């Protein structure tokens, strides 16, 4: 499957989810057994670890369909980049989708400049670098920051991984940014 077809499948799956017509594909014994020796996901999905953003559900996919990397604030670090590189280079996944989401608490805490006094501060510092200076009192500041973070992750991924950049330049991999709306369930492509 190529990247455009993979993206179309994810958006169709999201449409089914939004319309309450999810078909829950590839979630049976036959599929489980067929993935024992080989995985062939159609997309890498990098998203927040927020429990309200399960990619397999909001994109109506099943076992083996998605290679999922989850981390608070859907940020990058060397482990996330390595996981994505593995998927696109060795599993031949054609699509990378970075999904930010409505009401992201990690980004909200970053905008409010709150220190967590724990390792979470490392996540917040990365988000702070991604979104830059945004006035938290600005109209729609949180949503602006969430989308800015997604775009920064996309740009940083290309800048940080020669492997991924080469695959993109060779048209073997497509990289898109998306935004998930809790209220409607819609996943919009934003970049």
C-alpha atoms as a PDB file:
ATOM      1  CA  UNK A   1       0.000   0.000   0.000  1.00  0.00           C
ATOM      2  CA  UNK A   2       1.330   3.453  -0.821  1.00  0.00           C
ATOM      3  CA  UNK A   3       1.186   6.500   1.449  1.00  0.00           C
ATOM      4  CA  UNK A   4      -1.787   8.134  -0.259  1.00  0.00           C
ATOM      5  CA  UNK A   5      -3.893   4.981   0.015  1.00  0.00           C
ATOM      6  CA  UNK A   6      -2.805   4.548   3.631  1.00  0.00           C
ATOM      7  CA  UNK A   7      -3.839   8.117   4.430  1.00  0.00           C
ATOM      8  CA  UNK A   8      -7.158   7.595   2.669  1.00  0.00           C
ATOM      9  CA  UNK A   9      -7.752   4.433   4.734  1.00  0.00           C
ATOM     10  CA  UNK A  10      -7.025   6.274   7.995  1.00  0.00           C
ATOM     11  CA  UNK A  11      -9.348   9.142   7.085  1.00  0.00           C
ATOM     12  CA  UNK A  12     -12.088   6.706   6.027  1.00  0.00           C
ATOM     13  CA  UNK A  13     -11.618   4.886   9.325  1.00  0.00           C
ATOM     14  CA  UNK A  14     -11.931   8.165  11.195  1.00  0.00           C
ATOM     15  CA  UNK A  15     -15.097   8.985   9.246  1.00  0.00           C
ATOM     16  CA  UNK A  16     -16.581   5.644  10.310  1.00  0.00           C
ATOM     17  CA  UNK A  17     -15.616   6.397  13.922  1.00  0.00           C
ATOM     18  CA  UNK A  18     -17.198   9.877  13.795  1.00  0.00           C
ATOM     19  CA  UNK A  19     -20.402   8.501  12.249  1.00  0.00           C
ATOM     20  CA  UNK A  20     -20.553   5.718  14.881  1.00  0.00           C
ATOM     21  CA  UNK A  21     -20.132   3.139  12.107  1.00  0.00           C
ATOM     22  CA  UNK A  22     -16.801   1.643  13.150  1.00  0.00           C
ATOM     23  CA  UNK A  23     -16.274  -1.799  11.679  1.00  0.00           C
ATOM     24  CA  UNK A  24     -13.383  -2.758  13.993  1.00  0.00           C
ATOM     25  CA  UNK A  25     -11.365  -4.399  11.187  1.00  0.00           C
ATOM     26  CA  UNK A  26      -8.717  -7.027  11.717  1.00  0.00           C
ATOM     27  CA  UNK A  27      -9.739  -7.793  15.279  1.00  0.00           C
ATOM     28  CA  UNK A  28     -10.251 -11.512  15.173  1.00  0.00           C
ATOM     29  CA  UNK A  29      -8.398 -14.795  15.581  1.00  0.00           C
ATOM     30  CA  UNK A  30      -7.559 -15.040  11.880  1.00  0.00           C
ATOM     31  CA  UNK A  31      -5.887 -11.620  11.876  1.00  0.00           C
ATOM     32  CA  UNK A  32      -4.041 -12.319  15.126  1.00  0.00           C
ATOM     33  CA  UNK A  33      -2.605 -15.531  13.686  1.00  0.00           C
ATOM     34  CA  UNK A  34      -1.689 -13.858  10.394  1.00  0.00           C
ATOM     35  CA  UNK A  35       0.472 -11.314  12.232  1.00  0.00           C
ATOM     36  CA  UNK A  36       2.504 -13.829  14.236  1.00  0.00           C
ATOM     37  CA  UNK A  37       5.481 -13.849  11.852  1.00  0.00           C
ATOM     38  CA  UNK A  38       5.051 -10.595   9.962  1.00  0.00           C
ATOM     39  CA  UNK A  39       3.778  -7.104  10.581  1.00  0.00           C
ATOM     40  CA  UNK A  40       2.657  -4.872   7.723  1.00  0.00           C
ATOM     41  CA  UNK A  41       1.234  -1.695   9.271  1.00  0.00           C
ATOM     42  CA  UNK A  42      -0.023   0.946   6.869  1.00  0.00           C
ATOM     43  CA  UNK A  43       1.088   3.884   9.016  1.00  0.00           C
ATOM     44  CA  UNK A  44       3.248   5.014  11.890  1.00  0.00           C
ATOM     45  CA  UNK A  45       1.133   7.104  14.244  1.00  0.00           C
ATOM     46  CA  UNK A  46       2.929   9.359  16.703  1.00  0.00           C
ATOM     47  CA  UNK A  47       0.507  10.715  19.245  1.00  0.00           C
ATOM     48  CA  UNK A  48       0.101  11.784  22.832  1.00  0.00           C
ATOM     49  CA  UNK A  49      -0.178   9.180  25.548  1.00  0.00           C
ATOM     50  CA  UNK A  50      -3.469  10.787  26.621  1.00  0.00           C
ATOM     51  CA  UNK A  51      -5.953   7.971  27.245  1.00  0.00           C
ATOM     52  CA  UNK A  52      -8.577   9.751  25.150  1.00  0.00           C
ATOM     53  CA  UNK A  53      -6.523   9.458  21.946  1.00  0.00           C
ATOM     54  CA  UNK A  54      -6.286   5.736  21.098  1.00  0.00           C
ATOM     55  CA  UNK A  55      -5.264   5.701  17.411  1.00  0.00           C
ATOM     56  CA  UNK A  56      -6.632   2.237  16.651  1.00  0.00           C
ATOM     57  CA  UNK A  57     -10.073   3.375  17.797  1.00  0.00           C
ATOM     58  CA  UNK A  58     -10.272   6.934  16.422  1.00  0.00           C
ATOM     59  CA  UNK A  59      -8.940   5.719  13.041  1.00  0.00           C
ATOM     60  CA  UNK A  60     -10.948   2.440  13.164  1.00  0.00           C
ATOM     61  CA  UNK A  61      -7.995   0.141  12.583  1.00  0.00           C
ATOM     62  CA  UNK A  62      -7.105  -3.278  13.937  1.00  0.00           C
ATOM     63  CA  UNK A  63      -4.287  -5.646  14.841  1.00  0.00           C
ATOM     64  CA  UNK A  64      -1.166  -4.955  12.841  1.00  0.00           C
ATOM     65  CA  UNK A  65      -2.597  -1.937  10.995  1.00  0.00           C
ATOM     66  CA  UNK A  66      -0.749   0.792  12.884  1.00  0.00           C
ATOM     67  CA  UNK A  67       2.771   1.139  14.269  1.00  0.00           C
ATOM     68  CA  UNK A  68       2.008   3.380  17.242  1.00  0.00           C
ATOM     69  CA  UNK A  69       4.456   5.541  19.191  1.00  0.00           C
ATOM     70  CA  UNK A  70       2.899   7.375  22.142  1.00  0.00           C
ATOM     71  CA  UNK A  71       4.502   9.989  24.355  1.00  0.00           C
ATOM     72  CA  UNK A  72       3.101  12.918  26.345  1.00  0.00           C
ATOM     73  CA  UNK A  73       2.749  15.932  24.067  1.00  0.00           C
ATOM     74  CA  UNK A  74       3.518  13.789  20.985  1.00  0.00           C
ATOM     75  CA  UNK A  75       7.102  15.067  21.111  1.00  0.00           C
ATOM     76  CA  UNK A  76      10.321  13.648  19.709  1.00  0.00           C
ATOM     77  CA  UNK A  77      13.312  12.200  21.463  1.00  0.00           C
ATOM     78  CA  UNK A  78      15.954   9.797  20.194  1.00  0.00           C
ATOM     79  CA  UNK A  79      13.874   6.774  21.203  1.00  0.00           C
ATOM     80  CA  UNK A  80      10.777   8.009  19.385  1.00  0.00           C
ATOM     81  CA  UNK A  81      12.845   8.852  16.290  1.00  0.00           C
ATOM     82  CA  UNK A  82      14.508   5.431  16.421  1.00  0.00           C
ATOM     83  CA  UNK A  83      11.123   3.733  16.625  1.00  0.00           C
ATOM     84  CA  UNK A  84       9.839   5.672  13.611  1.00  0.00           C
ATOM     85  CA  UNK A  85      13.028   4.928  11.657  1.00  0.00           C
ATOM     86  CA  UNK A  86      12.635   1.225  12.405  1.00  0.00           C
ATOM     87  CA  UNK A  87       9.078   1.250  11.065  1.00  0.00           C
ATOM     88  CA  UNK A  88       9.785   3.112   7.837  1.00  0.00           C
ATOM     89  CA  UNK A  89      13.170   1.548   7.052  1.00  0.00           C
ATOM     90  CA  UNK A  90      12.738  -2.065   8.131  1.00  0.00           C
ATOM     91  CA  UNK A  91       8.978  -2.610   8.093  1.00  0.00           C
ATOM     92  CA  UNK A  92       8.418  -0.452   4.977  1.00  0.00           C
ATOM     93  CA  UNK A  93       5.633   1.634   6.479  1.00  0.00           C
ATOM     94  CA  UNK A  94       4.713   4.298   3.877  1.00  0.00           C
ATOM     95  CA  UNK A  95       3.020   6.912   6.063  1.00  0.00           C
ATOM     96  CA  UNK A  96       3.928   8.785   9.240  1.00  0.00           C
ATOM     97  CA  UNK A  97       1.092  10.672  10.937  1.00  0.00           C
ATOM     98  CA  UNK A  98       1.760  12.954  13.909  1.00  0.00           C
ATOM     99  CA  UNK A  99      -1.482  13.617  15.791  1.00  0.00           C
ATOM    100  CA  UNK A 100      -1.957  16.458  18.264  1.00  0.00           C
ATOM    101  CA  UNK A 101      -5.243  16.718  20.105  1.00  0.00           C
ATOM    102  CA  UNK A 102      -7.718  19.148  21.584  1.00  0.00           C
ATOM    103  CA  UNK A 103      -7.146  20.102  25.232  1.00  0.00           C
ATOM    104  CA  UNK A 104      -3.654  18.592  25.460  1.00  0.00           C
ATOM    105  CA  UNK A 105      -2.765  18.907  29.141  1.00  0.00           C
ATOM    106  CA  UNK A 106       0.991  18.698  28.499  1.00  0.00           C
ATOM    107  CA  UNK A 107       0.836  21.715  26.211  1.00  0.00           C
ATOM    108  CA  UNK A 108      -1.565  23.542  28.521  1.00  0.00           C
ATOM    109  CA  UNK A 109       0.826  23.103  31.470  1.00  0.00           C
ATOM    110  CA  UNK A 110       3.672  24.316  29.247  1.00  0.00           C
ATOM    111  CA  UNK A 111       1.766  27.467  28.281  1.00  0.00           C
ATOM    112  CA  UNK A 112       1.011  28.160  31.933  1.00  0.00           C
ATOM    113  CA  UNK A 113       4.735  27.782  32.700  1.00  0.00           C
ATOM    114  CA  UNK A 114       4.078  25.353  35.540  1.00  0.00           C
ATOM    115  CA  UNK A 115       6.910  23.215  36.889  1.00  0.00           C
ATOM    116  CA  UNK A 116       5.927  19.659  37.743  1.00  0.00           C
ATOM    117  CA  UNK A 117       9.027  19.105  39.907  1.00  0.00           C
ATOM    118  CA  UNK A 118       9.543  15.726  38.225  1.00  0.00           C
ATOM    119  CA  UNK A 119      10.797  14.193  34.993  1.00  0.00           C
ATOM    120  CA  UNK A 120       7.728  15.583  33.210  1.00  0.00           C
ATOM    121  CA  UNK A 121       9.605  18.906  33.146  1.00  0.00           C
ATOM    122  CA  UNK A 122      11.809  17.367  30.408  1.00  0.00           C
ATOM    123  CA  UNK A 123       8.704  16.872  28.264  1.00  0.00           C
ATOM    124  CA  UNK A 124       7.506  20.402  28.978  1.00  0.00           C
ATOM    125  CA  UNK A 125      10.885  21.866  27.989  1.00  0.00           C
ATOM    126  CA  UNK A 126      10.720  20.105  24.634  1.00  0.00           C
ATOM    127  CA  UNK A 127       7.183  21.391  24.084  1.00  0.00           C
ATOM    128  CA  UNK A 128       8.307  24.893  25.073  1.00  0.00           C
ATOM    129  CA  UNK A 129      11.014  24.750  22.408  1.00  0.00           C
ATOM    130  CA  UNK A 130       8.467  23.507  19.860  1.00  0.00           C
ATOM    131  CA  UNK A 131       5.818  26.158  20.448  1.00  0.00           C
ATOM    132  CA  UNK A 132       8.012  29.150  21.279  1.00  0.00           C
ATOM    133  CA  UNK A 133       6.527  32.184  22.953  1.00  0.00           C
ATOM    134  CA  UNK A 134       2.755  32.081  22.821  1.00  0.00           C
ATOM    135  CA  UNK A 135       0.762  34.339  25.112  1.00  0.00           C
ATOM    136  CA  UNK A 136      -1.453  31.968  27.128  1.00  0.00           C
ATOM    137  CA  UNK A 137      -4.078  34.724  27.289  1.00  0.00           C
ATOM    138  CA  UNK A 138      -4.232  34.980  23.501  1.00  0.00           C
ATOM    139  CA  UNK A 139      -7.525  33.837  21.960  1.00  0.00           C
ATOM    140  CA  UNK A 140      -7.327  30.107  21.206  1.00  0.00           C
ATOM    141  CA  UNK A 141      -3.732  29.962  22.517  1.00  0.00           C
ATOM    142  CA  UNK A 142      -3.937  26.289  23.446  1.00  0.00           C
ATOM    143  CA  UNK A 143      -5.134  25.126  20.026  1.00  0.00           C
ATOM    144  CA  UNK A 144      -2.586  27.353  18.293  1.00  0.00           C
ATOM    145  CA  UNK A 145       0.175  25.851  20.451  1.00  0.00           C
ATOM    146  CA  UNK A 146      -1.023  22.277  19.853  1.00  0.00           C
ATOM    147  CA  UNK A 147      -0.926  22.758  16.080  1.00  0.00           C
ATOM    148  CA  UNK A 148       2.398  24.575  16.267  1.00  0.00           C
ATOM    149  CA  UNK A 149       3.787  21.639  18.262  1.00  0.00           C
ATOM    150  CA  UNK A 150       2.645  19.152  15.595  1.00  0.00           C
ATOM    151  CA  UNK A 151       4.309  21.197  12.860  1.00  0.00           C
ATOM    152  CA  UNK A 152       7.503  21.522  14.912  1.00  0.00           C
ATOM    153  CA  UNK A 153       7.583  17.753  15.452  1.00  0.00           C
ATOM    154  CA  UNK A 154       7.281  17.227  11.693  1.00  0.00           C
ATOM    155  CA  UNK A 155      10.065  19.703  10.941  1.00  0.00           C
ATOM    156  CA  UNK A 156      12.268  18.348  13.733  1.00  0.00           C
ATOM    157  CA  UNK A 157      11.764  14.777  12.556  1.00  0.00           C
ATOM    158  CA  UNK A 158      12.984  15.669   9.063  1.00  0.00           C
ATOM    159  CA  UNK A 159      15.909  17.643  10.513  1.00  0.00           C
ATOM    160  CA  UNK A 160      16.874  14.944  13.030  1.00  0.00           C
ATOM    161  CA  UNK A 161      16.685  11.858  10.840  1.00  0.00           C
ATOM    162  CA  UNK A 162      18.595  11.668   7.567  1.00  0.00           C
ATOM    163  CA  UNK A 163      17.020   8.227   7.107  1.00  0.00           C
ATOM    164  CA  UNK A 164      13.470   9.564   7.224  1.00  0.00           C
ATOM    165  CA  UNK A 165      14.304  12.651   5.172  1.00  0.00           C
ATOM    166  CA  UNK A 166      15.824  10.491   2.431  1.00  0.00           C
ATOM    167  CA  UNK A 167      12.753   8.235   2.337  1.00  0.00           C
ATOM    168  CA  UNK A 168      10.521  11.318   2.088  1.00  0.00           C
ATOM    169  CA  UNK A 169      12.678  12.796  -0.687  1.00  0.00           C
ATOM    170  CA  UNK A 170      12.573   9.453  -2.535  1.00  0.00           C
ATOM    171  CA  UNK A 171       8.743   9.484  -2.249  1.00  0.00           C
ATOM    172  CA  UNK A 172       8.800   6.250  -0.272  1.00  0.00           C
ATOM    173  CA  UNK A 173       7.351   7.843   2.866  1.00  0.00           C
ATOM    174  CA  UNK A 174       4.823  10.604   3.410  1.00  0.00           C
ATOM    175  CA  UNK A 175       4.762  12.665   6.625  1.00  0.00           C
ATOM    176  CA  UNK A 176       1.567  14.430   7.708  1.00  0.00           C
ATOM    177  CA  UNK A 177       0.397  16.351  10.746  1.00  0.00           C
ATOM    178  CA  UNK A 178      -3.094  15.979  12.156  1.00  0.00           C
ATOM    179  CA  UNK A 179      -5.335  17.374  14.886  1.00  0.00           C
ATOM    180  CA  UNK A 180      -7.910  15.290  16.762  1.00  0.00           C
ATOM    181  CA  UNK A 181     -11.035  17.058  18.015  1.00  0.00           C
ATOM    182  CA  UNK A 182     -12.453  15.426  21.152  1.00  0.00           C
ATOM    183  CA  UNK A 183     -15.825  17.089  20.715  1.00  0.00           C
ATOM    184  CA  UNK A 184     -16.506  15.867  17.172  1.00  0.00           C
ATOM    185  CA  UNK A 185     -14.128  12.908  16.926  1.00  0.00           C
ATOM    186  CA  UNK A 186     -12.740  14.289  13.663  1.00  0.00           C
ATOM    187  CA  UNK A 187      -9.071  13.971  12.764  1.00  0.00           C
ATOM    188  CA  UNK A 188      -8.108  16.889  10.488  1.00  0.00           C
ATOM    189  CA  UNK A 189      -4.946  16.944   8.399  1.00  0.00           C
ATOM    190  CA  UNK A 190      -3.145  20.198   9.234  1.00  0.00           C
ATOM    191  CA  UNK A 191       0.159  19.766   7.401  1.00  0.00           C
END
